[in-house]
């Protein structure tokens, strides 16, 4: 006799493993309204404490995936590969990475997110481009991926709707920090894109969701295992997020900086992460057999302007002003500036990504609730980073605000995010580990 849904809850509460069909039944019942929000909340809390096996996590991922539409991109030639970041401060990689990889021959369908809390969102940054639309219908998304090579949109009502409802419950029931639930949420949305492979940028550090290496590695390993069991080629890189990536933190200002990477003028750390992730994508896409050869081609696509041209075509296809691809300075940022000065000479030992990210939110560049608007024009530049020598009075960071008086408290917060000492900190690698 089939167990009732309440009996399934009791099984998970007691730490028993649920068969895949039963996991699917729970999600389907939830989608139909036969399994109430409070019952799903109970399942999430049981999962938080008892965990899920890999088999259960795969089953939950696939059930959430099939709660909506799975895009069929088989008509588009070649393998389709996406990238996902677990989120950080100054992480604008997708904006330069997607067109660059597409310029080298791999299609990149990308469903991105908005910022929430101290981490920024790709959609908010792209929408600083005049006219740019991220709410395209699936048919238009597919057409752009085919003709341009890449398209970046937001999660539609058709893509993994069960995940959207479950995530809302996790947010208010203190069950966000569960690796199986994080894995199922990320992969259900990504697999719905119709991709063949996925490269994961799992951030670790002060400005990341996972603060320590062990937690980040556990998440990366789970994502790779479950994604592989779901039939996809998956690679994960662990990358540092103690300090903001690049110099810019905000929306228009980050989009400017990402475009500069495609012109060969971007910050070295942002360019390095872009090339590292892009190389993995080209190898997964079977365009190149080695990471070294793939990196060489990405570098050539920057030097000969192919990356910029794809970005220009993508912006135009998504109804934005394509001229910003060649003139990123056209993107409007706030005109009032406040400089944060060093109060002593020495070497910068930290520029706390978490506090800087929170300050950007306080300035209006981010949001603390999903329904809040963002100010695309405000932001800041992290001009000095760990390892840089400074003299008293040097500018550490610059804030771009509409009102100087209102921005002074934010400047004080940025000053507090800096640490200056007599000796330089030990420099660590940007890419901490690679998992397959």
Protein backbone atom coordinates (compact mmCIF):
# COMPACT_ATOMS: atom_id res chain seq x y z
CA UNK A 1 0.00 0.00 0.00
CA UNK A 2 1.29 3.48 -0.90
CA UNK A 3 2.34 5.54 2.08
CA UNK A 4 0.54 8.81 2.77
CA UNK A 5 2.38 12.11 2.37
CA UNK A 6 2.39 12.53 6.15
CA UNK A 7 4.00 9.11 6.52
CA UNK A 8 6.70 10.21 4.09
CA UNK A 9 7.31 13.25 6.28
CA UNK A 10 7.68 10.98 9.29
CA UNK A 11 10.17 8.79 7.41
CA UNK A 12 12.37 11.76 6.59
CA UNK A 13 11.98 13.13 10.13
CA UNK A 14 13.34 9.81 11.39
CA UNK A 15 16.28 9.87 9.00
CA UNK A 16 15.06 7.24 6.55
CA UNK A 17 15.92 7.49 2.85
CA UNK A 18 12.97 8.13 0.56
CA UNK A 19 12.79 6.36 -2.82
CA UNK A 20 12.97 8.62 -5.87
CA UNK A 21 9.28 8.08 -6.82
CA UNK A 22 8.23 9.26 -3.35
CA UNK A 23 10.35 12.41 -3.59
CA UNK A 24 8.75 13.09 -6.96
CA UNK A 25 5.29 12.49 -5.46
CA UNK A 26 5.94 15.05 -2.72
CA UNK A 27 7.00 17.73 -5.20
CA UNK A 28 4.13 16.99 -7.58
CA UNK A 29 1.63 17.14 -4.72
CA UNK A 30 3.14 20.45 -3.59
CA UNK A 31 2.86 21.85 -7.12
CA UNK A 32 -0.82 20.83 -7.28
CA UNK A 33 -1.61 22.32 -3.86
CA UNK A 34 -2.24 18.91 -2.27
CA UNK A 35 0.82 19.23 -0.02
CA UNK A 36 0.50 22.44 1.98
CA UNK A 37 3.20 25.06 2.51
CA UNK A 38 3.45 24.10 6.19
CA UNK A 39 3.94 20.45 5.23
CA UNK A 40 6.68 21.32 2.74
CA UNK A 41 8.25 23.48 5.46
CA UNK A 42 8.30 20.42 7.69
CA UNK A 43 9.99 18.40 4.94
CA UNK A 44 12.59 21.14 4.49
CA UNK A 45 13.35 21.26 8.21
CA UNK A 46 13.62 17.46 8.35
CA UNK A 47 16.02 17.64 5.39
CA UNK A 48 18.02 20.39 7.09
CA UNK A 49 18.64 18.17 10.13
CA UNK A 50 18.67 14.70 8.54
CA UNK A 51 20.17 15.53 5.13
CA UNK A 52 19.51 13.81 1.80
CA UNK A 53 21.49 11.07 0.11
CA UNK A 54 22.85 11.73 -3.37
CA UNK A 55 20.02 9.61 -4.77
CA UNK A 56 17.44 11.67 -2.91
CA UNK A 57 19.10 14.91 -4.01
CA UNK A 58 19.07 13.79 -7.66
CA UNK A 59 15.40 12.86 -7.30
CA UNK A 60 14.55 16.24 -5.74
CA UNK A 61 16.52 18.07 -8.44
CA UNK A 62 14.74 16.23 -11.25
CA UNK A 63 11.32 16.63 -9.62
CA UNK A 64 11.84 20.40 -9.32
CA UNK A 65 13.26 20.51 -12.85
CA UNK A 66 10.19 18.78 -14.31
CA UNK A 67 7.76 20.94 -12.34
CA UNK A 68 8.03 23.35 -15.26
CA UNK A 69 9.30 23.55 -18.80
CA UNK A 70 12.67 22.08 -19.78
CA UNK A 71 14.06 23.97 -22.75
CA UNK A 72 14.82 21.88 -25.81
CA UNK A 73 17.92 23.31 -27.48
CA UNK A 74 18.73 20.21 -29.54
CA UNK A 75 18.00 22.13 -32.74
CA UNK A 76 20.99 24.37 -31.96
CA UNK A 77 24.26 22.89 -33.23
CA UNK A 78 26.97 21.92 -30.78
CA UNK A 79 27.10 21.41 -27.04
CA UNK A 80 25.50 24.03 -24.80
CA UNK A 81 27.43 24.97 -21.66
CA UNK A 82 26.57 27.37 -18.83
CA UNK A 83 28.35 28.74 -15.78
CA UNK A 84 26.95 29.33 -12.31
CA UNK A 85 28.46 31.31 -9.45
CA UNK A 86 27.38 30.83 -5.86
CA UNK A 87 27.61 34.61 -5.48
CA UNK A 88 30.05 37.19 -4.25
CA UNK A 89 30.88 40.89 -4.14
CA UNK A 90 31.98 42.48 -7.40
CA UNK A 91 31.29 39.24 -9.28
CA UNK A 92 30.36 40.47 -12.75
CA UNK A 93 32.02 37.57 -14.57
CA UNK A 94 28.95 36.37 -16.49
CA UNK A 95 28.72 39.65 -18.42
CA UNK A 96 32.14 39.21 -20.03
CA UNK A 97 32.36 35.41 -19.86
CA UNK A 98 29.23 34.46 -21.82
CA UNK A 99 30.00 36.49 -24.99
CA UNK A 100 33.68 35.55 -24.85
CA UNK A 101 32.96 31.82 -24.71
CA UNK A 102 30.30 32.17 -27.41
CA UNK A 103 32.84 33.98 -29.61
CA UNK A 104 35.04 30.87 -29.33
CA UNK A 105 32.35 28.47 -30.54
CA UNK A 106 30.34 27.23 -27.54
CA UNK A 107 26.70 28.26 -27.13
CA UNK A 108 25.96 29.72 -23.69
CA UNK A 109 22.29 29.78 -22.62
CA UNK A 110 22.24 31.50 -19.23
CA UNK A 111 19.40 31.98 -16.76
CA UNK A 112 20.72 34.45 -14.18
CA UNK A 113 19.51 35.93 -10.92
CA UNK A 114 19.05 39.22 -9.10
CA UNK A 115 21.03 40.42 -6.14
CA UNK A 116 19.80 39.72 -2.63
CA UNK A 117 21.64 40.61 0.53
CA UNK A 118 25.29 41.58 0.15
CA UNK A 119 25.81 39.78 -3.18
CA UNK A 120 24.99 41.45 -6.49
CA UNK A 121 22.92 40.00 -9.33
CA UNK A 122 23.77 39.72 -13.02
CA UNK A 123 20.29 40.81 -14.11
CA UNK A 124 20.47 44.05 -12.11
CA UNK A 125 23.83 44.84 -13.67
CA UNK A 126 22.68 44.13 -17.23
CA UNK A 127 19.57 46.25 -16.74
CA UNK A 128 21.81 49.28 -16.25
CA UNK A 129 22.19 49.11 -20.06
CA UNK A 130 19.45 51.35 -21.53
CA UNK A 131 16.59 49.25 -22.91
CA UNK A 132 18.15 45.87 -22.05
CA UNK A 133 15.50 43.20 -21.42
CA UNK A 134 16.00 40.13 -19.27
CA UNK A 135 12.34 39.02 -19.34
CA UNK A 136 12.32 37.49 -22.80
CA UNK A 137 9.98 34.64 -23.74
CA UNK A 138 11.55 31.21 -24.16
CA UNK A 139 11.15 31.27 -27.95
CA UNK A 140 13.11 34.51 -28.23
CA UNK A 141 15.74 33.26 -25.79
CA UNK A 142 16.27 30.12 -27.89
CA UNK A 143 16.50 32.15 -31.11
CA UNK A 144 19.13 34.49 -29.67
CA UNK A 145 21.25 31.61 -28.33
CA UNK A 146 21.15 30.05 -31.81
CA UNK A 147 21.90 33.21 -33.80
CA UNK A 148 24.17 35.16 -31.44
CA UNK A 149 25.67 32.37 -29.36
CA UNK A 150 24.49 33.53 -25.94
CA UNK A 151 21.55 35.10 -24.15
CA UNK A 152 21.11 36.07 -20.50
CA UNK A 153 17.62 36.12 -19.01
CA UNK A 154 15.91 35.76 -15.63
CA UNK A 155 14.02 32.77 -14.29
CA UNK A 156 10.61 32.68 -15.95
CA UNK A 157 7.41 31.28 -14.48
CA UNK A 158 7.95 28.27 -16.75
CA UNK A 159 11.39 27.34 -15.39
CA UNK A 160 11.46 25.18 -12.23
CA UNK A 161 8.41 26.83 -10.58
CA UNK A 162 8.54 24.38 -7.66
CA UNK A 163 12.05 25.62 -6.86
CA UNK A 164 10.83 29.21 -6.73
CA UNK A 165 8.10 28.32 -4.20
CA UNK A 166 10.37 26.05 -2.17
CA UNK A 167 13.11 28.67 -2.02
CA UNK A 168 10.62 31.22 -0.68
CA UNK A 169 9.78 28.77 2.12
CA UNK A 170 13.45 28.07 2.85
CA UNK A 171 14.05 31.80 3.19
CA UNK A 172 11.46 32.18 5.97
CA UNK A 173 12.02 28.84 7.74
CA UNK A 174 15.79 29.14 8.32
CA UNK A 175 16.56 26.19 6.04
CA UNK A 176 18.63 27.98 3.38
CA UNK A 177 21.95 26.58 4.65
CA UNK A 178 21.35 22.97 3.60
CA UNK A 179 23.74 21.60 0.99
CA UNK A 180 21.25 19.13 -0.59
CA UNK A 181 18.62 21.89 -0.86
CA UNK A 182 21.17 24.33 -2.31
CA UNK A 183 22.28 21.73 -4.85
CA UNK A 184 18.72 20.88 -5.93
CA UNK A 185 17.83 24.57 -6.25
CA UNK A 186 20.87 25.46 -8.36
CA UNK A 187 20.79 22.40 -10.61
CA UNK A 188 17.03 22.32 -11.22
CA UNK A 189 17.21 25.81 -12.73
CA UNK A 190 20.40 25.17 -14.67
CA UNK A 191 19.29 21.82 -16.11
CA UNK A 192 16.03 23.46 -17.23
CA UNK A 193 18.10 25.51 -19.68
CA UNK A 194 18.67 22.43 -21.83
CA UNK A 195 22.44 22.51 -21.30
CA UNK A 196 24.93 19.69 -21.85
CA UNK A 197 27.50 20.88 -19.34
CA UNK A 198 27.99 23.25 -16.43
CA UNK A 199 30.98 25.02 -14.89
CA UNK A 200 30.54 26.09 -11.28
CA UNK A 201 32.30 28.96 -9.57
CA UNK A 202 31.96 28.13 -5.88
CA UNK A 203 33.05 31.16 -3.86
CA UNK A 204 34.73 30.82 -0.48
CA UNK A 205 35.57 33.57 2.00
CA UNK A 206 34.17 36.56 3.84
CA UNK A 207 32.04 37.80 0.94
CA UNK A 208 30.80 34.35 -0.05
CA UNK A 209 27.87 32.24 1.06
CA UNK A 210 30.34 29.59 2.22
CA UNK A 211 32.85 31.26 4.54
CA UNK A 212 35.35 28.41 4.93
CA UNK A 213 37.13 26.10 2.52
CA UNK A 214 35.68 22.87 3.93
CA UNK A 215 32.06 24.04 3.53
CA UNK A 216 32.69 25.36 0.03
CA UNK A 217 34.40 22.14 -0.98
CA UNK A 218 31.51 20.05 0.38
CA UNK A 219 29.05 22.12 -1.67
CA UNK A 220 31.20 21.89 -4.80
CA UNK A 221 31.61 18.12 -4.44
CA UNK A 222 27.86 17.68 -4.02
CA UNK A 223 27.08 19.84 -7.04
CA UNK A 224 29.53 17.91 -9.21
CA UNK A 225 28.29 14.49 -8.01
CA UNK A 226 24.61 15.25 -8.38
CA UNK A 227 25.02 17.09 -11.69
CA UNK A 228 27.02 14.16 -13.07
CA UNK A 229 24.42 11.66 -11.86
CA UNK A 230 21.80 13.79 -13.62
CA UNK A 231 23.67 13.12 -16.88
CA UNK A 232 25.64 16.34 -17.33
CA UNK A 233 29.35 17.11 -17.51
CA UNK A 234 30.13 19.27 -14.47
CA UNK A 235 33.33 20.94 -13.27
CA UNK A 236 33.67 23.17 -10.20
CA UNK A 237 36.32 25.73 -9.32
CA UNK A 238 36.69 27.03 -5.77
CA UNK A 239 37.63 30.72 -5.95
CA UNK A 240 38.46 33.22 -3.22
CA UNK A 241 35.98 35.87 -2.06
CA UNK A 242 37.59 37.55 0.96
CA UNK A 243 38.12 40.66 -1.19
CA UNK A 244 35.73 42.00 -3.88
CA UNK A 245 36.45 40.71 -7.37
CA UNK A 246 37.82 43.46 -9.59
CA UNK A 247 37.54 47.07 -8.43
CA UNK A 248 33.89 47.93 -9.12
CA UNK A 249 30.96 47.16 -6.81
CA UNK A 250 27.50 48.26 -7.97
CA UNK A 251 25.47 47.84 -11.13
CA UNK A 252 26.38 50.17 -14.00
CA UNK A 253 29.92 50.48 -12.64
CA UNK A 254 30.36 46.69 -12.60
CA UNK A 255 28.92 46.35 -16.10
CA UNK A 256 31.44 48.92 -17.29
CA UNK A 257 34.27 46.92 -15.73
CA UNK A 258 33.09 43.62 -17.21
CA UNK A 259 33.01 45.15 -20.69
CA UNK A 260 36.52 46.48 -20.14
CA UNK A 261 37.70 42.86 -19.76
CA UNK A 262 36.56 42.19 -23.33
CA UNK A 263 38.67 45.17 -24.45
CA UNK A 264 41.72 43.77 -22.66
CA UNK A 265 41.65 46.55 -20.05
CA UNK A 266 39.93 44.85 -17.11
CA UNK A 267 41.43 44.17 -13.67
CA UNK A 268 43.81 41.22 -13.61
CA UNK A 269 41.85 39.18 -11.04
CA UNK A 270 38.57 39.56 -12.94
CA UNK A 271 40.27 38.67 -16.23
CA UNK A 272 41.93 35.62 -14.63
CA UNK A 273 38.68 34.19 -13.24
CA UNK A 274 36.98 34.82 -16.60
CA UNK A 275 39.73 32.95 -18.47
CA UNK A 276 39.81 30.08 -15.96
CA UNK A 277 36.05 29.50 -16.14
CA UNK A 278 35.92 30.08 -19.89
CA UNK A 279 38.66 27.53 -20.53
CA UNK A 280 36.67 24.90 -18.64
CA UNK A 281 33.56 25.74 -20.68
CA UNK A 282 35.38 25.39 -24.01
CA UNK A 283 36.81 22.01 -23.00
CA UNK A 284 33.41 20.74 -21.80
CA UNK A 285 31.97 22.02 -25.07
CA UNK A 286 34.57 19.93 -26.93
CA UNK A 287 35.87 22.87 -28.91
CA UNK A 288 39.35 22.41 -27.45
CA UNK A 289 40.97 19.38 -25.88
CA UNK A 290 43.16 21.19 -23.36
CA UNK A 291 42.66 24.05 -20.93
CA UNK A 292 45.86 25.74 -22.13
CA UNK A 293 44.70 25.73 -25.75
CA UNK A 294 41.26 26.99 -24.73
CA UNK A 295 42.78 29.85 -22.73
CA UNK A 296 44.91 30.88 -25.71
CA UNK A 297 41.80 31.09 -27.89
CA UNK A 298 39.90 33.13 -25.30
CA UNK A 299 42.81 35.54 -25.12
CA UNK A 300 42.82 35.85 -28.91
CA UNK A 301 39.08 36.55 -28.90
CA UNK A 302 39.79 39.49 -26.59
CA UNK A 303 42.68 40.74 -28.70
CA UNK A 304 40.86 40.54 -32.05
CA UNK A 305 37.59 41.96 -30.73
CA UNK A 306 35.38 38.90 -31.25
CA UNK A 307 34.17 38.96 -27.65
CA UNK A 308 33.09 42.60 -27.90
CA UNK A 309 31.26 41.93 -31.17
CA UNK A 310 29.26 39.07 -29.65
CA UNK A 311 28.39 41.24 -26.65
CA UNK A 312 27.24 44.00 -29.00
CA UNK A 313 25.00 41.59 -30.90
CA UNK A 314 23.62 40.12 -27.67
CA UNK A 315 22.75 43.55 -26.26
CA UNK A 316 21.03 44.55 -29.51
CA UNK A 317 19.10 41.26 -29.64
CA UNK A 318 17.94 41.85 -26.06
CA UNK A 319 16.70 45.35 -27.00
CA UNK A 320 19.53 47.28 -25.33
CA UNK A 321 21.82 50.03 -26.63
CA UNK A 322 24.60 48.10 -28.43
CA UNK A 323 26.95 51.09 -28.47
CA UNK A 324 27.87 50.49 -24.81
CA UNK A 325 29.84 47.41 -25.93
CA UNK A 326 32.40 49.70 -27.56
CA UNK A 327 31.84 52.66 -25.22
CA UNK A 328 31.21 51.30 -21.71
CA UNK A 329 31.70 54.80 -20.24
CA UNK A 330 28.27 55.65 -21.70
CA UNK A 331 26.70 53.72 -18.82
CA UNK A 332 25.55 56.33 -16.34
CA UNK A 333 26.92 56.36 -12.80
CA UNK A 334 26.25 58.82 -9.96
CA UNK A 335 28.26 62.02 -10.27
CA UNK A 336 29.02 62.88 -6.64
CA UNK A 337 32.13 61.16 -5.29
CA UNK A 338 33.47 60.55 -1.79
CA UNK A 339 37.03 59.33 -1.35
CA UNK A 340 38.01 57.03 1.50
CA UNK A 341 41.57 57.84 2.61
CA UNK A 342 44.22 55.73 4.33
CA UNK A 343 44.76 56.88 7.91
CA UNK A 344 48.30 55.49 8.02
CA UNK A 345 51.09 54.24 5.78
CA UNK A 346 51.75 50.56 5.28
CA UNK A 347 50.35 47.65 3.29
CA UNK A 348 46.67 46.79 2.83
CA UNK A 349 46.07 43.46 4.55
CA UNK A 350 42.34 43.17 4.02
CA UNK A 351 39.41 44.85 2.26
CA UNK A 352 36.46 42.99 3.76
CA UNK A 353 34.18 41.86 0.91
CA UNK A 354 31.23 41.27 3.24
CA UNK A 355 31.27 44.77 4.73
CA UNK A 356 31.87 46.38 1.34
CA UNK A 357 28.98 44.41 -0.13
CA UNK A 358 26.71 45.42 2.72
CA UNK A 359 27.74 49.04 2.23
CA UNK A 360 26.82 48.88 -1.46
CA UNK A 361 23.38 47.61 -0.42
CA UNK A 362 23.04 50.50 2.05
CA UNK A 363 23.87 52.89 -0.79
CA UNK A 364 20.97 51.49 -2.82
CA UNK A 365 22.94 49.27 -5.22
CA UNK A 366 21.42 46.11 -3.73
CA UNK A 367 18.35 44.89 -1.91
CA UNK A 368 17.39 43.18 1.34
CA UNK A 369 13.97 42.06 0.05
CA UNK A 370 13.19 40.49 -3.31
CA UNK A 371 10.61 43.18 -4.16
CA UNK A 372 12.96 46.15 -3.66
CA UNK A 373 14.24 48.16 -6.66
CA UNK A 374 17.94 48.91 -7.05
CA UNK A 375 19.73 52.11 -8.01
CA UNK A 376 21.85 51.27 -11.05
CA UNK A 377 23.91 54.46 -10.82
CA UNK A 378 25.42 54.24 -7.32
CA UNK A 379 28.41 52.13 -6.43
CA UNK A 380 32.02 52.20 -5.38
CA UNK A 381 35.53 51.40 -6.54
CA UNK A 382 37.96 49.39 -4.42
CA UNK A 383 41.12 51.16 -5.56
CA UNK A 384 43.55 49.52 -3.12
CA UNK A 385 43.49 45.80 -2.43
CA UNK A 386 45.43 43.42 -0.16
CA UNK A 387 49.14 43.56 -0.92
CA UNK A 388 49.08 47.17 -2.15
CA UNK A 389 51.39 49.64 -0.42
CA UNK A 390 49.80 52.90 0.68
CA UNK A 391 50.82 56.18 2.26
CA UNK A 392 48.71 58.10 4.75
CA UNK A 393 46.18 60.12 2.76
CA UNK A 394 46.14 57.83 -0.28
CA UNK A 395 42.70 57.00 -1.66
CA UNK A 396 41.63 53.46 -0.71
CA UNK A 397 38.19 53.52 -2.29
CA UNK A 398 35.83 55.93 -4.06
CA UNK A 399 32.05 56.04 -3.59
CA UNK A 400 29.69 57.27 -6.33
CA UNK A 401 26.57 58.74 -4.75
CA UNK A 402 23.74 61.16 -5.52
CA UNK A 403 24.07 62.99 -2.21
CA UNK A 404 27.41 63.53 -0.45
CA UNK A 405 25.81 64.14 2.93
CA UNK A 406 23.94 60.85 2.81
CA UNK A 407 27.01 58.99 1.60
CA UNK A 408 29.37 59.96 4.44
CA UNK A 409 28.16 57.16 6.73
CA UNK A 410 28.73 54.64 3.92
CA UNK A 411 32.24 56.00 3.42
CA UNK A 412 32.92 55.40 7.11
CA UNK A 413 31.79 51.80 6.73
CA UNK A 414 34.15 51.27 3.79
CA UNK A 415 37.00 52.77 5.80
CA UNK A 416 36.22 50.27 8.56
CA UNK A 417 36.39 47.42 6.03
CA UNK A 418 40.09 48.14 5.41
CA UNK A 419 43.04 46.90 7.41
CA UNK A 420 46.55 48.34 7.00
CA UNK A 421 49.65 46.84 8.58
CA UNK A 422 53.44 47.10 8.31
CA UNK A 423 53.96 43.86 6.40
CA UNK A 424 52.22 42.41 3.37
CA UNK A 425 49.87 39.43 3.76
CA UNK A 426 50.73 36.11 2.16
CA UNK A 427 49.29 36.11 -1.35
CA UNK A 428 47.07 33.15 -2.16
CA UNK A 429 45.86 31.87 -5.55
CA UNK A 430 42.59 33.09 -7.05
CA UNK A 431 41.56 29.56 -7.98
CA UNK A 432 41.87 27.47 -4.83
CA UNK A 433 40.85 24.08 -6.17
CA UNK A 434 39.37 22.29 -9.19
CA UNK A 435 36.87 19.45 -8.74
CA UNK A 436 35.48 17.08 -11.36
